[in-house]
N, C-alpha and C. Protein backbone atom coordinates (compact mmCIF):
# COMPACT_ATOMS: atom_id res chain seq x y z
N UNK A 1 156.80 82.03 115.98
CA UNK A 1 155.80 81.14 115.98
C UNK A 1 155.25 80.96 114.59
N UNK A 2 155.30 79.66 114.24
CA UNK A 2 154.92 79.29 112.82
C UNK A 2 153.21 79.22 112.78
N UNK A 3 152.79 79.52 111.60
CA UNK A 3 151.29 79.77 111.47
C UNK A 3 150.97 78.28 111.20
N UNK A 4 149.58 77.85 111.55
CA UNK A 4 149.25 76.46 111.18
C UNK A 4 148.25 76.64 109.97
N UNK A 5 148.07 75.67 109.37
CA UNK A 5 147.46 75.47 107.78
C UNK A 5 146.19 76.43 107.82
N UNK A 6 145.31 76.35 108.94
CA UNK A 6 144.27 77.02 109.02
C UNK A 6 144.49 78.56 108.95
N UNK A 7 145.35 78.94 109.62
CA UNK A 7 145.64 80.35 109.72
C UNK A 7 146.42 80.83 108.41
N UNK A 8 147.26 79.83 107.67
CA UNK A 8 147.70 80.19 106.46
C UNK A 8 146.58 80.32 105.43
N UNK A 9 145.63 79.66 105.42
CA UNK A 9 144.43 79.54 104.42
C UNK A 9 143.87 81.07 104.72
N UNK A 10 143.60 81.24 105.90
CA UNK A 10 142.81 82.61 106.25
C UNK A 10 143.68 83.60 105.77
N UNK A 11 145.04 83.68 106.25
CA UNK A 11 146.21 84.76 105.59
C UNK A 11 145.94 84.99 104.22
N UNK A 12 145.93 83.61 103.23
CA UNK A 12 145.98 83.72 101.99
C UNK A 12 144.54 84.39 101.42
N UNK A 13 143.43 83.88 101.88
CA UNK A 13 142.12 84.52 101.70
C UNK A 13 142.11 86.04 101.96
N UNK A 14 142.75 86.38 103.07
CA UNK A 14 142.62 87.88 103.29
C UNK A 14 143.47 88.57 102.34
N UNK A 15 144.59 88.08 101.94
CA UNK A 15 145.50 88.70 100.78
C UNK A 15 144.63 88.78 99.60
N UNK A 16 144.07 87.69 99.29
CA UNK A 16 143.35 87.75 97.96
C UNK A 16 142.16 88.63 97.88
N UNK A 17 141.36 88.70 99.07
CA UNK A 17 140.35 89.63 99.23
C UNK A 17 140.87 91.06 99.09
N UNK A 18 142.07 91.66 99.70
CA UNK A 18 142.72 92.76 99.66
C UNK A 18 142.96 93.10 98.22
N UNK A 19 143.65 92.07 97.45
CA UNK A 19 143.84 92.16 96.24
C UNK A 19 142.61 92.54 95.34
N UNK A 20 141.69 91.91 95.35
CA UNK A 20 140.38 91.98 94.62
C UNK A 20 139.68 93.34 94.94
N UNK A 21 139.72 94.02 96.38
CA UNK A 21 139.15 95.18 96.56
C UNK A 21 140.16 96.38 95.97
N UNK A 22 141.30 96.25 96.08
CA UNK A 22 142.34 96.94 95.29
C UNK A 22 142.23 97.14 93.78
N UNK A 23 141.86 95.95 93.38
CA UNK A 23 141.61 95.83 91.77
C UNK A 23 140.38 96.55 91.49
N UNK A 24 139.28 96.34 92.45
CA UNK A 24 138.09 96.87 92.16
C UNK A 24 138.08 98.33 92.34
N UNK A 25 138.79 98.76 93.25
CA UNK A 25 138.78 100.26 93.38
C UNK A 25 139.65 100.80 92.16
N UNK A 26 140.63 100.50 91.82
CA UNK A 26 141.16 100.97 90.52
C UNK A 26 140.25 100.94 89.43
N UNK A 27 139.44 99.75 89.08
CA UNK A 27 138.56 100.15 88.11
C UNK A 27 137.47 100.94 88.25
N UNK A 28 136.94 100.97 89.47
CA UNK A 28 136.14 102.13 89.82
C UNK A 28 136.70 103.50 89.52
N UNK A 29 137.80 103.73 90.00
CA UNK A 29 138.40 105.02 89.71
C UNK A 29 138.44 105.28 88.40
N UNK A 30 138.82 104.34 87.27
CA UNK A 30 138.77 104.71 85.97
C UNK A 30 137.55 104.80 85.43
N UNK A 31 136.51 104.18 85.86
CA UNK A 31 135.35 104.63 85.34
C UNK A 31 134.71 105.67 85.75
N UNK A 32 135.09 106.21 87.06
CA UNK A 32 134.65 107.65 87.40
C UNK A 32 135.32 108.51 86.38
N UNK A 33 136.65 108.43 86.40
CA UNK A 33 137.36 109.22 85.50
C UNK A 33 136.80 109.45 84.05
N UNK A 34 136.38 108.35 83.56
CA UNK A 34 136.00 108.27 82.26
C UNK A 34 134.69 109.00 82.14
N UNK A 35 133.93 108.93 83.17
CA UNK A 35 132.47 109.47 83.17
C UNK A 35 132.69 110.99 83.36
N UNK A 36 133.65 111.46 84.21
CA UNK A 36 133.77 113.04 84.27
C UNK A 36 134.40 113.37 83.08
N UNK A 37 135.24 112.69 82.23
CA UNK A 37 135.75 113.07 81.13
C UNK A 37 134.71 113.33 79.96
N UNK A 38 133.91 112.24 79.84
CA UNK A 38 132.62 112.32 78.76
C UNK A 38 131.80 113.33 79.29
N UNK A 39 131.62 113.77 80.48
CA UNK A 39 130.58 114.62 80.84
C UNK A 39 130.92 116.15 80.39
N UNK A 40 132.45 116.36 80.58
CA UNK A 40 133.13 117.65 80.19
C UNK A 40 133.11 117.67 78.64
N UNK A 41 133.26 116.52 77.99
CA UNK A 41 133.17 116.66 76.31
C UNK A 41 131.87 116.93 75.95
N UNK A 42 131.00 116.33 76.60
CA UNK A 42 129.48 116.59 76.00
C UNK A 42 129.23 118.04 76.41
N UNK A 43 129.47 118.59 77.31
CA UNK A 43 129.21 119.90 77.86
C UNK A 43 129.73 120.98 76.87
N UNK A 44 131.26 120.78 76.46
CA UNK A 44 131.61 121.60 75.34
C UNK A 44 130.90 121.45 74.15
N UNK A 45 130.82 119.93 73.67
CA UNK A 45 130.07 119.53 72.47
C UNK A 45 128.82 120.39 72.43
N UNK A 46 127.91 120.28 73.48
CA UNK A 46 126.65 121.02 73.34
C UNK A 46 126.60 122.61 73.17
N UNK A 47 127.63 123.15 73.98
CA UNK A 47 127.86 124.80 73.75
C UNK A 47 128.27 124.87 72.35
N UNK A 48 129.16 124.19 71.91
CA UNK A 48 129.66 124.56 70.57
C UNK A 48 128.66 124.40 69.49
N UNK A 49 127.98 123.20 69.51
CA UNK A 49 126.84 122.82 68.67
C UNK A 49 125.74 123.76 68.73
N UNK A 50 125.35 124.17 69.68
CA UNK A 50 124.27 125.27 70.08
C UNK A 50 124.64 126.55 69.39
N UNK A 51 125.97 127.06 69.65
CA UNK A 51 126.30 128.38 68.94
C UNK A 51 126.54 128.08 67.54
N UNK A 52 127.12 127.18 66.94
CA UNK A 52 127.15 126.94 65.62
C UNK A 52 125.86 126.72 64.91
N UNK A 53 125.00 126.16 65.40
CA UNK A 53 123.42 126.02 64.73
C UNK A 53 122.77 127.27 64.76
N UNK A 54 122.93 128.11 65.73
CA UNK A 54 122.46 129.62 65.72
C UNK A 54 123.15 130.18 64.65
N UNK A 55 124.50 130.36 64.65
CA UNK A 55 124.96 130.90 63.64
C UNK A 55 124.74 130.64 62.27
N UNK A 56 124.56 129.24 62.19
CA UNK A 56 124.27 128.64 60.75
C UNK A 56 122.90 128.97 60.36
N UNK A 57 121.91 128.97 61.36
CA UNK A 57 120.62 129.41 60.89
C UNK A 57 120.59 130.80 60.66
N UNK A 58 121.09 131.54 61.24
CA UNK A 58 121.08 133.01 60.70
C UNK A 58 121.74 133.28 59.35
N UNK A 59 122.83 132.59 59.25
CA UNK A 59 123.48 132.63 57.76
C UNK A 59 122.66 132.05 56.73
N UNK A 60 122.04 131.06 56.85
CA UNK A 60 121.17 130.51 55.97
C UNK A 60 120.03 131.22 55.68
N UNK A 61 119.33 131.58 56.81
CA UNK A 61 118.19 132.71 56.51
C UNK A 61 118.61 133.82 55.86
N UNK A 62 119.84 134.32 55.98
CA UNK A 62 120.11 135.64 55.15
C UNK A 62 120.44 135.39 53.74
N UNK A 63 121.19 134.16 53.35
CA UNK A 63 121.22 133.81 52.17
C UNK A 63 120.24 133.38 51.44
N UNK A 64 119.23 132.71 51.95
CA UNK A 64 118.02 132.56 51.41
C UNK A 64 117.25 133.76 50.95
N UNK A 65 117.39 134.61 51.93
CA UNK A 65 116.58 136.19 51.56
C UNK A 65 117.22 136.63 50.58
N UNK A 66 118.62 136.76 50.42
CA UNK A 66 119.17 137.35 49.40
C UNK A 66 119.15 136.47 47.91
N UNK A 67 118.95 135.34 48.03
CA UNK A 67 118.71 134.52 46.83
C UNK A 67 117.12 134.88 46.11
N UNK A 68 116.17 134.87 47.17
CA UNK A 68 114.86 135.33 46.78
C UNK A 68 114.63 136.69 46.40
N UNK A 69 115.51 137.64 46.85
CA UNK A 69 115.48 139.06 46.54
C UNK A 69 116.11 139.07 45.16
N UNK A 70 117.24 138.42 44.89
CA UNK A 70 118.01 138.35 43.52
C UNK A 70 116.97 137.92 42.30
N UNK A 71 116.09 136.96 42.59
CA UNK A 71 115.32 136.37 41.55
C UNK A 71 113.85 136.76 41.84
N UNK A 72 113.60 137.86 42.40
CA UNK A 72 112.05 138.28 42.66
C UNK A 72 111.59 138.58 41.45
N UNK A 73 111.99 139.38 40.62
CA UNK A 73 111.28 139.80 39.39
C UNK A 73 111.09 138.53 38.35
N UNK A 74 111.92 137.76 38.12
CA UNK A 74 111.79 136.70 37.06
C UNK A 74 111.35 135.27 37.66
N UNK A 75 112.04 134.55 38.57
CA UNK A 75 112.10 133.51 39.19
C UNK A 75 111.69 133.16 40.63
N UNK A 76 110.87 133.91 41.15
CA UNK A 76 110.75 134.03 42.77
C UNK A 76 110.34 132.83 42.92
N UNK A 77 109.37 132.00 42.65
CA UNK A 77 108.97 130.60 42.94
C UNK A 77 109.82 129.78 42.83
N UNK A 78 110.57 129.67 41.82
CA UNK A 78 111.76 128.72 41.75
C UNK A 78 112.57 128.85 42.60
N UNK A 79 113.19 130.15 42.87
CA UNK A 79 114.07 130.29 43.94
C UNK A 79 113.75 129.97 45.35
N UNK A 80 112.64 130.31 45.63
CA UNK A 80 111.94 129.88 47.10
C UNK A 80 111.94 128.42 47.16
N UNK A 81 111.60 127.70 46.05
CA UNK A 81 111.52 126.12 46.15
C UNK A 81 112.75 125.53 46.15
N UNK A 82 113.70 125.99 45.37
CA UNK A 82 114.90 125.51 45.18
C UNK A 82 115.65 125.57 46.54
N UNK A 83 115.55 126.79 46.98
CA UNK A 83 116.22 127.15 48.70
C UNK A 83 115.71 126.20 49.47
N UNK A 84 114.34 126.01 49.37
CA UNK A 84 113.81 125.06 50.43
C UNK A 84 114.14 123.58 50.42
N UNK A 85 114.24 123.23 49.01
CA UNK A 85 114.60 121.76 49.01
C UNK A 85 115.99 121.71 49.12
N UNK A 86 116.95 122.61 48.77
CA UNK A 86 118.47 122.39 49.47
C UNK A 86 118.37 122.54 51.01
N UNK A 87 117.62 123.14 51.84
CA UNK A 87 117.66 123.24 53.09
C UNK A 87 117.13 121.96 53.71
N UNK A 88 116.02 121.45 53.11
CA UNK A 88 115.48 120.36 53.59
C UNK A 88 116.38 119.15 53.33
N UNK A 89 117.03 118.94 52.29
CA UNK A 89 117.91 117.94 51.82
C UNK A 89 119.15 117.97 52.74
N UNK A 90 119.61 119.20 53.11
CA UNK A 90 120.96 119.38 54.09
C UNK A 90 120.29 118.79 55.50
N UNK A 91 119.07 119.31 55.83
CA UNK A 91 118.62 118.86 57.25
C UNK A 91 118.62 117.44 57.21
N UNK A 92 118.06 116.57 56.29
CA UNK A 92 117.88 115.29 56.40
C UNK A 92 119.24 114.58 56.34
N UNK A 93 120.19 115.16 55.66
CA UNK A 93 121.64 114.68 55.72
C UNK A 93 122.17 114.84 57.18
N UNK A 94 122.06 115.90 57.55
CA UNK A 94 122.49 115.99 59.01
C UNK A 94 121.92 115.15 60.06
N UNK A 95 120.72 115.04 59.66
CA UNK A 95 119.87 113.92 60.84
C UNK A 95 120.35 112.65 60.70
N UNK A 96 120.56 112.04 59.51
CA UNK A 96 121.20 110.82 59.23
C UNK A 96 122.49 110.76 59.75
N UNK A 97 123.31 111.67 59.75
CA UNK A 97 124.62 111.73 60.40
C UNK A 97 124.54 111.62 61.84
N UNK A 98 123.66 112.43 62.45
CA UNK A 98 123.47 112.41 63.78
C UNK A 98 122.96 111.24 64.40
N UNK A 99 122.02 110.31 63.77
CA UNK A 99 121.46 109.20 64.14
C UNK A 99 122.56 108.16 64.10
N UNK A 100 123.42 108.10 62.89
CA UNK A 100 124.59 107.19 62.91
C UNK A 100 125.49 107.50 63.94
N UNK A 101 125.87 108.66 64.33
CA UNK A 101 126.88 109.00 65.50
C UNK A 101 126.28 108.61 66.64
N UNK A 102 125.02 108.78 67.09
CA UNK A 102 124.49 108.38 68.22
C UNK A 102 124.49 106.77 68.55
N UNK A 103 124.54 106.05 67.66
CA UNK A 103 124.72 104.78 67.69
C UNK A 103 125.93 104.31 68.11
N UNK A 104 127.19 105.02 68.08
CA UNK A 104 128.48 104.63 68.43
C UNK A 104 128.47 104.58 69.74
N UNK A 105 128.98 103.63 70.31
CA UNK A 105 129.15 103.58 71.94
C UNK A 105 130.57 103.96 72.53
N UNK A 106 130.98 104.83 73.11
CA UNK A 106 132.26 105.22 73.46
C UNK A 106 132.33 105.41 74.93
N UNK A 107 131.12 105.32 75.68
CA UNK A 107 131.08 105.58 77.02
C UNK A 107 131.72 104.11 77.86
N UNK A 108 132.73 104.54 78.78
CA UNK A 108 133.44 103.70 79.36
C UNK A 108 134.24 102.56 78.48
N UNK A 109 134.52 102.97 77.36
CA UNK A 109 135.26 102.07 76.54
C UNK A 109 136.49 101.62 77.21
N UNK A 110 137.12 102.30 77.80
CA UNK A 110 138.62 101.73 78.57
C UNK A 110 138.31 100.79 79.82
N UNK A 111 137.36 101.21 80.45
CA UNK A 111 137.18 100.44 81.55
C UNK A 111 136.50 99.37 81.14
N UNK A 112 135.62 98.94 80.10
CA UNK A 112 135.08 97.76 79.69
C UNK A 112 136.17 96.95 78.99
N UNK A 113 137.28 97.62 78.50
CA UNK A 113 138.33 96.95 78.02
C UNK A 113 139.10 96.17 79.02
N UNK A 114 139.37 97.08 79.81
CA UNK A 114 140.21 96.60 81.17
C UNK A 114 139.62 95.40 81.77
N UNK A 115 138.12 95.48 81.98
CA UNK A 115 137.47 94.52 82.50
C UNK A 115 137.55 93.24 81.68
N UNK A 116 137.49 93.45 80.48
CA UNK A 116 137.58 92.24 79.57
C UNK A 116 138.97 91.32 79.71
N UNK A 117 140.15 92.31 79.81
CA UNK A 117 141.47 91.89 79.93
C UNK A 117 141.52 91.10 81.18
N UNK A 118 140.90 91.91 82.35
CA UNK A 118 140.76 90.94 83.69
C UNK A 118 140.17 89.75 83.54
N UNK A 119 139.13 89.66 82.86
CA UNK A 119 138.28 88.60 82.80
C UNK A 119 139.16 87.24 82.07
N UNK A 120 139.68 87.73 81.00
CA UNK A 120 140.63 86.78 80.25
C UNK A 120 141.84 86.34 81.14
N UNK A 121 142.31 87.02 81.93
CA UNK A 121 143.29 86.65 82.74
C UNK A 121 142.87 85.72 83.76
N UNK A 122 141.65 85.94 84.16
CA UNK A 122 140.89 84.95 85.31
C UNK A 122 140.68 83.70 84.73
N UNK A 123 140.38 83.69 83.52
CA UNK A 123 139.87 82.32 82.65
C UNK A 123 140.94 81.55 82.15
N UNK A 124 142.35 82.26 82.08
CA UNK A 124 143.37 81.66 81.66
C UNK A 124 143.72 80.41 82.81
N UNK A 125 144.34 79.39 82.05
CA UNK A 125 144.87 78.31 83.05
C UNK A 125 146.11 78.87 83.47
N UNK A 126 146.47 78.84 84.82
CA UNK A 126 147.84 79.22 85.21
C UNK A 126 148.76 78.14 84.97
N UNK A 127 150.13 78.47 84.85
CA UNK A 127 151.29 77.40 84.49
C UNK A 127 151.10 76.47 85.62
N UNK A 128 150.91 76.73 86.94
CA UNK A 128 150.86 75.89 88.13
C UNK A 128 149.71 74.68 87.92
N UNK A 129 148.47 75.17 87.34
CA UNK A 129 147.56 74.41 87.07
C UNK A 129 147.60 73.29 86.17
N UNK A 130 148.34 73.91 84.93
CA UNK A 130 148.88 73.11 83.89
C UNK A 130 149.88 71.99 84.28
N UNK A 131 151.05 72.37 85.16
CA UNK A 131 151.87 71.34 85.59
C UNK A 131 151.22 70.30 86.50
N UNK A 132 150.37 70.57 87.34
CA UNK A 132 149.72 69.78 88.03
C UNK A 132 148.70 68.69 87.32
N UNK A 133 148.30 69.40 86.13
CA UNK A 133 147.39 68.45 85.37
C UNK A 133 148.10 67.22 84.39
N UNK A 134 149.41 67.40 84.39
CA UNK A 134 150.24 66.40 83.66
C UNK A 134 150.55 65.10 84.30
């Protein structure tokens, strides 16, 4: 039995809806995967940066104490002032780098790129539409 025009339209609409749902599911899975990947990366980054900051702090404190002890008899104030200046300068430099890094957006980059490609495909006129317009 052949389908009537109304049934064909409903069938086409149903196929289109199924395609849209499948496409949305794929994009959502990509977004979830990227979020899980970013969360794992951030956890490792936090653990590594915390451990390195602790060790760096201990090393700098020890080095500063060594410098002050070395110059205690002759230039103790200068040694303390120079050590403090170097540490403050390094801290400001690292703060600047951290602020610059925080402004970079990488969250869901691939998902957004894929959605932009999908949007561009939807906005492109199809060959069939161009042939009809001639």
